[in-house]
């Protein structure tokens, strides 16, 4: 309330009528209060961001696991093909 009155006095000092200065100060104060984040807003946002980061990490771990599994399978297949090819390769005599 003190900030609102200080703002009204500052507006009034510029030559605006007292009633109009109080209305303007009230509107400015209301706009500021509606658009300023509070500490609880910040805490809630922090919790949401942490949850999002945890979800992304879990998804990345799953992708990493799938990639390692597929690469491991590919190594086994390539090694099998290599050994089969070497088995049928004509010996050098």
PDB file of N, CA and C in Angstrom:
ATOM      1  N   UNK A   1       0.829  -1.191   0.000  1.00  0.00           N
ATOM      2  CA  UNK A   1       0.000   0.000   0.000  1.00  0.00           C
ATOM      3  C   UNK A   1       0.874   1.255   0.000  1.00  0.00           C
ATOM      4  N   UNK A   2       1.977   1.233   0.721  1.00  0.00           N
ATOM      5  CA  UNK A   2       2.849   2.407   0.793  1.00  0.00           C
ATOM      6  C   UNK A   2       3.448   2.701  -0.569  1.00  0.00           C
ATOM      7  N   UNK A   3       3.799   1.652  -1.307  1.00  0.00           N
ATOM      8  CA  UNK A   3       4.343   1.856  -2.646  1.00  0.00           C
ATOM      9  C   UNK A   3       3.305   2.497  -3.553  1.00  0.00           C
ATOM     10  N   UNK A   4       2.082   2.073  -3.379  1.00  0.00           N
ATOM     11  CA  UNK A   4       0.989   2.614  -4.201  1.00  0.00           C
ATOM     12  C   UNK A   4       0.790   4.101  -3.904  1.00  0.00           C
ATOM     13  N   UNK A   5       0.829   4.458  -2.629  1.00  0.00           N
ATOM     14  CA  UNK A   5       0.673   5.867  -2.254  1.00  0.00           C
ATOM     15  C   UNK A   5       1.867   6.692  -2.724  1.00  0.00           C
ATOM     16  N   UNK A   6       3.063   6.127  -2.608  1.00  0.00           N
ATOM     17  CA  UNK A   6       4.255   6.840  -3.079  1.00  0.00           C
ATOM     18  C   UNK A   6       4.169   7.088  -4.576  1.00  0.00           C
ATOM     19  N   UNK A   7       3.711   6.070  -5.311  1.00  0.00           N
ATOM     20  CA  UNK A   7       3.554   6.209  -6.754  1.00  0.00           C
ATOM     21  C   UNK A   7       2.486   7.257  -7.077  1.00  0.00           C
ATOM     22  N   UNK A   8       1.386   7.238  -6.329  1.00  0.00           N
ATOM     23  CA  UNK A   8       0.325   8.233  -6.544  1.00  0.00           C
ATOM     24  C   UNK A   8       0.844   9.645  -6.290  1.00  0.00           C
ATOM     25  N   UNK A   9       1.640   9.813  -5.240  1.00  0.00           N
ATOM     26  CA  UNK A   9       2.212  11.133  -4.946  1.00  0.00           C
ATOM     27  C   UNK A   9       3.173  11.560  -6.049  1.00  0.00           C
ATOM     28  N   UNK A  10       3.980  10.632  -6.545  1.00  0.00           N
ATOM     29  CA  UNK A  10       4.923  10.965  -7.623  1.00  0.00           C
ATOM     30  C   UNK A  10       4.170  11.378  -8.882  1.00  0.00           C
ATOM     31  N   UNK A  11       3.086  10.677  -9.179  1.00  0.00           N
ATOM     32  CA  UNK A  11       2.287  11.036 -10.365  1.00  0.00           C
ATOM     33  C   UNK A  11       1.616  12.383 -10.145  1.00  0.00           C
ATOM     34  N   UNK A  12       1.130  12.598  -8.944  1.00  0.00           N
ATOM     35  CA  UNK A  12       0.469  13.878  -8.631  1.00  0.00           C
ATOM     36  C   UNK A  12       1.458  15.038  -8.742  1.00  0.00           C
ATOM     37  N   UNK A  13       2.711  14.811  -8.382  1.00  0.00           N
ATOM     38  CA  UNK A  13       3.729  15.861  -8.452  1.00  0.00           C
ATOM     39  C   UNK A  13       4.044  16.268  -9.886  1.00  0.00           C
ATOM     40  N   UNK A  14       3.660  15.442 -10.864  1.00  0.00           N
ATOM     41  CA  UNK A  14       3.902  15.804 -12.264  1.00  0.00           C
ATOM     42  C   UNK A  14       2.798  16.686 -12.822  1.00  0.00           C
ATOM     43  N   UNK A  15       1.768  16.954 -12.003  1.00  0.00           N
ATOM     44  CA  UNK A  15       0.705  17.837 -12.452  1.00  0.00           C
ATOM     45  C   UNK A  15      -0.611  17.132 -12.730  1.00  0.00           C
ATOM     46  N   UNK A  16      -0.683  15.840 -12.465  1.00  0.00           N
ATOM     47  CA  UNK A  16      -1.925  15.086 -12.666  1.00  0.00           C
ATOM     48  C   UNK A  16      -2.778  15.272 -11.418  1.00  0.00           C
ATOM     49  N   UNK A  17      -4.091  15.341 -11.616  1.00  0.00           N
ATOM     50  CA  UNK A  17      -5.009  15.522 -10.490  1.00  0.00           C
ATOM     51  C   UNK A  17      -4.887  14.342  -9.528  1.00  0.00           C
ATOM     52  N   UNK A  18      -5.140  14.607  -8.226  1.00  0.00           N
ATOM     53  CA  UNK A  18      -4.957  13.584  -7.185  1.00  0.00           C
ATOM     54  C   UNK A  18      -5.786  12.338  -7.454  1.00  0.00           C
ATOM     55  N   UNK A  19      -7.057  12.511  -7.800  1.00  0.00           N
ATOM     56  CA  UNK A  19      -7.914  11.352  -8.060  1.00  0.00           C
ATOM     57  C   UNK A  19      -7.376  10.519  -9.218  1.00  0.00           C
ATOM     58  N   UNK A  20      -6.987  11.183 -10.297  1.00  0.00           N
ATOM     59  CA  UNK A  20      -6.454  10.478 -11.465  1.00  0.00           C
ATOM     60  C   UNK A  20      -5.128   9.803 -11.112  1.00  0.00           C
ATOM     61  N   UNK A  21      -4.287  10.475 -10.314  1.00  0.00           N
ATOM     62  CA  UNK A  21      -3.001   9.906  -9.914  1.00  0.00           C
ATOM     63  C   UNK A  21      -3.212   8.637  -9.099  1.00  0.00           C
ATOM     64  N   UNK A  22      -4.214   8.626  -8.202  1.00  0.00           N
ATOM     65  CA  UNK A  22      -4.496   7.432  -7.404  1.00  0.00           C
ATOM     66  C   UNK A  22      -5.002   6.287  -8.269  1.00  0.00           C
ATOM     67  N   UNK A  23      -5.843   6.599  -9.259  1.00  0.00           N
ATOM     68  CA  UNK A  23      -6.346   5.563 -10.166  1.00  0.00           C
ATOM     69  C   UNK A  23      -5.194   4.979 -10.989  1.00  0.00           C
ATOM     70  N   UNK A  24      -4.353   5.856 -11.519  1.00  0.00           N
ATOM     71  CA  UNK A  24      -3.208   5.395 -12.320  1.00  0.00           C
ATOM     72  C   UNK A  24      -2.266   4.540 -11.465  1.00  0.00           C
ATOM     73  N   UNK A  25      -1.972   5.002 -10.259  1.00  0.00           N
ATOM     74  CA  UNK A  25      -1.088   4.254  -9.360  1.00  0.00           C
ATOM     75  C   UNK A  25      -1.703   2.902  -9.018  1.00  0.00           C
ATOM     76  N   UNK A  26      -2.999   2.863  -8.801  1.00  0.00           N
ATOM     77  CA  UNK A  26      -3.683   1.596  -8.508  1.00  0.00           C
ATOM     78  C   UNK A  26      -3.594   0.624  -9.663  1.00  0.00           C
ATOM     79  N   UNK A  27      -3.780   1.103 -10.874  1.00  0.00           N
ATOM     80  CA  UNK A  27      -3.690   0.241 -12.054  1.00  0.00           C
ATOM     81  C   UNK A  27      -2.266  -0.283 -12.249  1.00  0.00           C
ATOM     82  N   UNK A  28      -1.301   0.608 -12.071  1.00  0.00           N
ATOM     83  CA  UNK A  28       0.102   0.190 -12.215  1.00  0.00           C
ATOM     84  C   UNK A  28       0.446  -0.859 -11.157  1.00  0.00           C
ATOM     85  N   UNK A  29       0.021  -0.618  -9.922  1.00  0.00           N
ATOM     86  CA  UNK A  29       0.291  -1.560  -8.835  1.00  0.00           C
ATOM     87  C   UNK A  29      -0.356  -2.921  -9.119  1.00  0.00           C
ATOM     88  N   UNK A  30      -1.575  -2.914  -9.598  1.00  0.00           N
ATOM     89  CA  UNK A  30      -2.276  -4.167  -9.910  1.00  0.00           C
ATOM     90  C   UNK A  30      -1.580  -4.924 -11.044  1.00  0.00           C
ATOM     91  N   UNK A  31      -1.169  -4.201 -12.079  1.00  0.00           N
ATOM     92  CA  UNK A  31      -0.466  -4.853 -13.185  1.00  0.00           C
ATOM     93  C   UNK A  31       0.851  -5.474 -12.727  1.00  0.00           C
ATOM     94  N   UNK A  32       1.562  -4.763 -11.892  1.00  0.00           N
ATOM     95  CA  UNK A  32       2.841  -5.280 -11.397  1.00  0.00           C
ATOM     96  C   UNK A  32       2.611  -6.527 -10.554  1.00  0.00           C
ATOM     97  N   UNK A  33       1.632  -6.493  -9.663  1.00  0.00           N
ATOM     98  CA  UNK A  33       1.376  -7.637  -8.777  1.00  0.00           C
ATOM     99  C   UNK A  33       0.904  -8.865  -9.560  1.00  0.00           C
ATOM    100  N   UNK A  34       0.185  -8.664 -10.658  1.00  0.00           N
ATOM    101  CA  UNK A  34      -0.290  -9.789 -11.460  1.00  0.00           C
ATOM    102  C   UNK A  34       0.835 -10.427 -12.273  1.00  0.00           C
ATOM    103  N   UNK A  35       1.873  -9.662 -12.608  1.00  0.00           N
ATOM    104  CA  UNK A  35       2.908 -10.149 -13.514  1.00  0.00           C
ATOM    105  C   UNK A  35       4.251 -10.439 -12.861  1.00  0.00           C
ATOM    106  N   UNK A  36       4.335 -10.288 -11.559  1.00  0.00           N
ATOM    107  CA  UNK A  36       5.589 -10.535 -10.865  1.00  0.00           C
ATOM    108  C   UNK A  36       5.549 -11.946 -10.284  1.00  0.00           C
ATOM    109  N   UNK A  37       6.612 -12.705 -10.499  1.00  0.00           N
ATOM    110  CA  UNK A  37       6.692 -14.056  -9.954  1.00  0.00           C
ATOM    111  C   UNK A  37       7.003 -13.996  -8.466  1.00  0.00           C
ATOM    112  N   UNK A  38       6.352 -14.859  -7.721  1.00  0.00           N
ATOM    113  CA  UNK A  38       6.601 -14.931  -6.295  1.00  0.00           C
ATOM    114  C   UNK A  38       7.600 -16.050  -6.017  1.00  0.00           C
ATOM    115  N   UNK A  39       8.022 -16.151  -4.766  1.00  0.00           N
ATOM    116  CA  UNK A  39       8.954 -17.203  -4.390  1.00  0.00           C
ATOM    117  C   UNK A  39       8.303 -18.570  -4.587  1.00  0.00           C
ATOM    118  N   UNK A  40       7.014 -18.687  -4.292  1.00  0.00           N
ATOM    119  CA  UNK A  40       6.333 -19.972  -4.487  1.00  0.00           C
ATOM    120  C   UNK A  40       6.239 -20.313  -5.977  1.00  0.00           C
ATOM    121  N   UNK A  41       6.066 -19.307  -6.831  1.00  0.00           N
ATOM    122  CA  UNK A  41       6.091 -19.547  -8.281  1.00  0.00           C
ATOM    123  C   UNK A  41       7.446 -20.095  -8.702  1.00  0.00           C
ATOM    124  N   UNK A  42       8.494 -19.508  -8.159  1.00  0.00           N
ATOM    125  CA  UNK A  42       9.849 -19.941  -8.480  1.00  0.00           C
ATOM    126  C   UNK A  42      10.103 -21.369  -7.993  1.00  0.00           C
ATOM    127  N   UNK A  43       9.629 -21.687  -6.797  1.00  0.00           N
ATOM    128  CA  UNK A  43       9.799 -23.030  -6.250  1.00  0.00           C
ATOM    129  C   UNK A  43       9.045 -24.058  -7.076  1.00  0.00           C
ATOM    130  N   UNK A  44       7.827 -23.728  -7.475  1.00  0.00           N
ATOM    131  CA  UNK A  44       7.024 -24.629  -8.300  1.00  0.00           C
ATOM    132  C   UNK A  44       7.690 -24.846  -9.654  1.00  0.00           C
ATOM    133  N   UNK A  45       8.185 -23.785 -10.250  1.00  0.00           N
ATOM    134  CA  UNK A  45       8.864 -23.892 -11.541  1.00  0.00           C
ATOM    135  C   UNK A  45      10.123 -24.739 -11.421  1.00  0.00           C
ATOM    136  N   UNK A  46      10.866 -24.561 -10.342  1.00  0.00           N
ATOM    137  CA  UNK A  46      12.075 -25.353 -10.122  1.00  0.00           C
ATOM    138  C   UNK A  46      11.728 -26.841 -10.024  1.00  0.00           C
ATOM    139  N   UNK A  47      10.657 -27.173  -9.324  1.00  0.00           N
ATOM    140  CA  UNK A  47      10.241 -28.570  -9.191  1.00  0.00           C
ATOM    141  C   UNK A  47       9.829 -29.146 -10.553  1.00  0.00           C
ATOM    142  N   UNK A  48       9.126 -28.362 -11.346  1.00  0.00           N
ATOM    143  CA  UNK A  48       8.713 -28.821 -12.674  1.00  0.00           C
ATOM    144  C   UNK A  48       9.927 -29.050 -13.574  1.00  0.00           C
ATOM    145  N   UNK A  49      10.888 -28.159 -13.508  1.00  0.00           N
ATOM    146  CA  UNK A  49      12.095 -28.298 -14.332  1.00  0.00           C
ATOM    147  C   UNK A  49      12.888 -29.528 -13.901  1.00  0.00           C
ATOM    148  N   UNK A  50      13.000 -29.754 -12.595  1.00  0.00           N
ATOM    149  CA  UNK A  50      13.714 -30.942 -12.120  1.00  0.00           C
ATOM    150  C   UNK A  50      13.018 -32.217 -12.594  1.00  0.00           C
ATOM    151  N   UNK A  51      11.694 -32.229 -12.575  1.00  0.00           N
ATOM    152  CA  UNK A  51      10.950 -33.400 -13.041  1.00  0.00           C
ATOM    153  C   UNK A  51      11.174 -33.613 -14.537  1.00  0.00           C
ATOM    154  N   UNK A  52      11.187 -32.524 -15.302  1.00  0.00           N
ATOM    155  CA  UNK A  52      11.443 -32.632 -16.746  1.00  0.00           C
ATOM    156  C   UNK A  52      12.845 -33.155 -17.016  1.00  0.00           C
ATOM    157  N   UNK A  53      13.820 -32.669 -16.272  1.00  0.00           N
ATOM    158  CA  UNK A  53      15.202 -33.127 -16.448  1.00  0.00           C
ATOM    159  C   UNK A  53      15.309 -34.611 -16.114  1.00  0.00           C
ATOM    160  N   UNK A  54      14.649 -35.044 -15.044  1.00  0.00           N
ATOM    161  CA  UNK A  54      14.678 -36.463 -14.673  1.00  0.00           C
ATOM    162  C   UNK A  54      14.047 -37.319 -15.767  1.00  0.00           C
ATOM    163  N   UNK A  55      12.955 -36.842 -16.368  1.00  0.00           N
ATOM    164  CA  UNK A  55      12.307 -37.595 -17.445  1.00  0.00           C
ATOM    165  C   UNK A  55      13.219 -37.693 -18.667  1.00  0.00           C
ATOM    166  N   UNK A  56      13.892 -36.610 -18.997  1.00  0.00           N
ATOM    167  CA  UNK A  56      14.808 -36.623 -20.141  1.00  0.00           C
ATOM    168  C   UNK A  56      15.979 -37.568 -19.871  1.00  0.00           C
ATOM    169  N   UNK A  57      16.510 -37.542 -18.653  1.00  0.00           N
ATOM    170  CA  UNK A  57      17.614 -38.448 -18.312  1.00  0.00           C
ATOM    171  C   UNK A  57      17.177 -39.910 -18.415  1.00  0.00           C
ATOM    172  N   UNK A  58      15.975 -40.212 -17.951  1.00  0.00           N
ATOM    173  CA  UNK A  58      15.478 -41.590 -18.028  1.00  0.00           C
ATOM    174  C   UNK A  58      15.329 -42.017 -19.485  1.00  0.00           C
ATOM    175  N   UNK A  59      14.831 -41.113 -20.309  1.00  0.00           N
ATOM    176  CA  UNK A  59      14.677 -41.424 -21.734  1.00  0.00           C
ATOM    177  C   UNK A  59      16.042 -41.618 -22.401  1.00  0.00           C
ATOM    178  N   UNK A  60      16.996 -40.793 -22.038  1.00  0.00           N
ATOM    179  CA  UNK A  60      18.346 -40.949 -22.597  1.00  0.00           C
ATOM    180  C   UNK A  60      18.993 -42.261 -22.156  1.00  0.00           C
ATOM    181  N   UNK A  61      18.762 -42.654 -20.906  1.00  0.00           N
ATOM    182  CA  UNK A  61      19.286 -43.941 -20.440  1.00  0.00           C
ATOM    183  C   UNK A  61      18.680 -45.087 -21.237  1.00  0.00           C
ATOM    184  N   UNK A  62      17.385 -45.003 -21.529  1.00  0.00           N
ATOM    185  CA  UNK A  62      16.732 -46.038 -22.325  1.00  0.00           C
ATOM    186  C   UNK A  62      17.305 -46.080 -23.738  1.00  0.00           C
ATOM    187  N   UNK A  63      17.493 -44.926 -24.338  1.00  0.00           N
ATOM    188  CA  UNK A  63      18.062 -44.867 -25.690  1.00  0.00           C
ATOM    189  C   UNK A  63      19.486 -45.421 -25.677  1.00  0.00           C
ATOM    190  N   UNK A  64      20.271 -45.081 -24.666  1.00  0.00           N
ATOM    191  CA  UNK A  64      21.636 -45.583 -24.553  1.00  0.00           C
ATOM    192  C   UNK A  64      21.635 -47.111 -24.440  1.00  0.00           C
ATOM    193  N   UNK A  65      20.732 -47.640 -23.617  1.00  0.00           N
ATOM    194  CA  UNK A  65      20.638 -49.087 -23.454  1.00  0.00           C
ATOM    195  C   UNK A  65      20.270 -49.767 -24.778  1.00  0.00           C
ATOM    196  N   UNK A  66      19.299 -49.205 -25.494  1.00  0.00           N
ATOM    197  CA  UNK A  66      18.900 -49.771 -26.784  1.00  0.00           C
ATOM    198  C   UNK A  66      20.047 -49.708 -27.784  1.00  0.00           C
ATOM    199  N   UNK A  67      20.776 -48.623 -27.787  1.00  0.00           N
ATOM    200  CA  UNK A  67      21.898 -48.463 -28.718  1.00  0.00           C
ATOM    201  C   UNK A  67      23.000 -49.479 -28.417  1.00  0.00           C
ATOM    202  N   UNK A  68      23.334 -49.640 -27.155  1.00  0.00           N
ATOM    203  CA  UNK A  68      24.370 -50.602 -26.784  1.00  0.00           C
ATOM    204  C   UNK A  68      23.936 -52.017 -27.150  1.00  0.00           C
ATOM    205  N   UNK A  69      22.676 -52.334 -26.912  1.00  0.00           N
ATOM    206  CA  UNK A  69      22.168 -53.672 -27.253  1.00  0.00           C
ATOM    207  C   UNK A  69      22.254 -53.921 -28.752  1.00  0.00           C
ATOM    208  N   UNK A  70      21.842 -52.970 -29.527  1.00  0.00           N
ATOM    209  CA  UNK A  70      21.880 -53.134 -30.985  1.00  0.00           C
ATOM    210  C   UNK A  70      23.319 -53.212 -31.507  1.00  0.00           C
ATOM    211  N   UNK A  71      24.192 -52.368 -30.979  1.00  0.00           N
ATOM    212  CA  UNK A  71      25.592 -52.425 -31.412  1.00  0.00           C
ATOM    213  C   UNK A  71      26.238 -53.743 -31.010  1.00  0.00           C
ATOM    214  N   UNK A  72      25.904 -54.240 -29.822  1.00  0.00           N
ATOM    215  CA  UNK A  72      26.424 -55.535 -29.390  1.00  0.00           C
ATOM    216  C   UNK A  72      25.953 -56.653 -30.311  1.00  0.00           C
ATOM    217  N   UNK A  73      24.682 -56.607 -30.682  1.00  0.00           N
ATOM    218  CA  UNK A  73      24.152 -57.597 -31.627  1.00  0.00           C
ATOM    219  C   UNK A  73      24.843 -57.503 -32.967  1.00  0.00           C
ATOM    220  N   UNK A  74      25.100 -56.295 -33.423  1.00  0.00           N
ATOM    221  CA  UNK A  74      25.779 -56.098 -34.701  1.00  0.00           C
ATOM    222  C   UNK A  74      27.202 -56.658 -34.650  1.00  0.00           C
ATOM    223  N   UNK A  75      27.886 -56.450 -33.542  1.00  0.00           N
ATOM    224  CA  UNK A  75      29.251 -56.984 -33.389  1.00  0.00           C
ATOM    225  C   UNK A  75      29.229 -58.508 -33.445  1.00  0.00           C
ATOM    226  N   UNK A  76      28.259 -59.125 -32.793  1.00  0.00           N
ATOM    227  CA  UNK A  76      28.149 -60.587 -32.811  1.00  0.00           C
ATOM    228  C   UNK A  76      27.906 -61.084 -34.225  1.00  0.00           C
ATOM    229  N   UNK A  77      26.992 -60.438 -34.957  1.00  0.00           N
ATOM    230  CA  UNK A  77      26.686 -60.854 -36.329  1.00  0.00           C
ATOM    231  C   UNK A  77      27.909 -60.684 -37.224  1.00  0.00           C
ATOM    232  N   UNK A  78      28.575 -59.556 -37.139  1.00  0.00           N
ATOM    233  CA  UNK A  78      29.763 -59.306 -37.972  1.00  0.00           C
ATOM    234  C   UNK A  78      30.871 -60.303 -37.630  1.00  0.00           C
ATOM    235  N   UNK A  79      31.074 -60.587 -36.353  1.00  0.00           N
ATOM    236  CA  UNK A  79      32.099 -61.551 -35.957  1.00  0.00           C
ATOM    237  C   UNK A  79      31.747 -62.939 -36.494  1.00  0.00           C
ATOM    238  N   UNK A  80      30.468 -63.323 -36.431  1.00  0.00           N
ATOM    239  CA  UNK A  80      30.036 -64.611 -36.979  1.00  0.00           C
ATOM    240  C   UNK A  80      30.264 -64.687 -38.468  1.00  0.00           C
ATOM    241  N   UNK A  81      29.934 -63.622 -39.177  1.00  0.00           N
ATOM    242  CA  UNK A  81      30.167 -63.606 -40.628  1.00  0.00           C
ATOM    243  C   UNK A  81      31.653 -63.678 -40.949  1.00  0.00           C
ATOM    244  N   UNK A  82      32.470 -63.003 -40.177  1.00  0.00           N
ATOM    245  CA  UNK A  82      33.914 -63.027 -40.384  1.00  0.00           C
ATOM    246  C   UNK A  82      34.478 -64.437 -40.164  1.00  0.00           C
ATOM    247  N   UNK A  83      34.064 -65.077 -39.073  1.00  0.00           N
ATOM    248  CA  UNK A  83      34.545 -66.433 -38.808  1.00  0.00           C
ATOM    249  C   UNK A  83      34.054 -67.415 -39.862  1.00  0.00           C
ATOM    250  N   UNK A  84      32.812 -67.247 -40.335  1.00  0.00           N
ATOM    251  CA  UNK A  84      32.293 -68.115 -41.397  1.00  0.00           C
ATOM    252  C   UNK A  84      33.084 -67.898 -42.679  1.00  0.00           C
ATOM    253  N   UNK A  85      33.370 -66.648 -42.992  1.00  0.00           N
ATOM    254  CA  UNK A  85      34.128 -66.357 -44.203  1.00  0.00           C
ATOM    255  C   UNK A  85      35.536 -66.924 -44.097  1.00  0.00           C
ATOM    256  N   UNK A  86      36.141 -66.811 -42.934  1.00  0.00           N
ATOM    257  CA  UNK A  86      37.486 -67.363 -42.753  1.00  0.00           C
ATOM    258  C   UNK A  86      37.473 -68.899 -42.789  1.00  0.00           C
ATOM    259  N   UNK A  87      36.386 -69.489 -42.343  1.00  0.00           N
ATOM    260  CA  UNK A  87      36.264 -70.944 -42.365  1.00  0.00           C
ATOM    261  C   UNK A  87      36.219 -71.462 -43.805  1.00  0.00           C
ATOM    262  N   UNK A  88      35.534 -70.755 -44.673  1.00  0.00           N
ATOM    263  CA  UNK A  88      35.402 -71.179 -46.064  1.00  0.00           C
ATOM    264  C   UNK A  88      36.488 -70.605 -46.980  1.00  0.00           C
ATOM    265  N   UNK A  89      37.328 -69.784 -46.463  1.00  0.00           N
ATOM    266  CA  UNK A  89      38.401 -69.179 -47.236  1.00  0.00           C
ATOM    267  C   UNK A  89      39.386 -70.272 -47.624  1.00  0.00           C
ATOM    268  N   UNK A  90      39.812 -70.302 -48.880  1.00  0.00           N
ATOM    269  CA  UNK A  90      40.745 -71.354 -49.274  1.00  0.00           C
ATOM    270  C   UNK A  90      42.088 -71.199 -48.539  1.00  0.00           C
ATOM    271  N   UNK A  91      42.643 -72.285 -48.068  1.00  0.00           N
ATOM    272  CA  UNK A  91      43.927 -72.198 -47.356  1.00  0.00           C
ATOM    273  C   UNK A  91      45.045 -71.848 -48.302  1.00  0.00           C
ATOM    274  N   UNK A  92      46.028 -71.141 -47.816  1.00  0.00           N
ATOM    275  CA  UNK A  92      47.191 -70.787 -48.616  1.00  0.00           C
ATOM    276  C   UNK A  92      48.244 -71.886 -48.457  1.00  0.00           C
ATOM    277  N   UNK A  93      48.530 -72.544 -49.523  1.00  0.00           N
ATOM    278  CA  UNK A  93      49.523 -73.617 -49.443  1.00  0.00           C
ATOM    279  C   UNK A  93      50.689 -73.323 -50.333  1.00  0.00           C
TER     280      UNK A  93
END
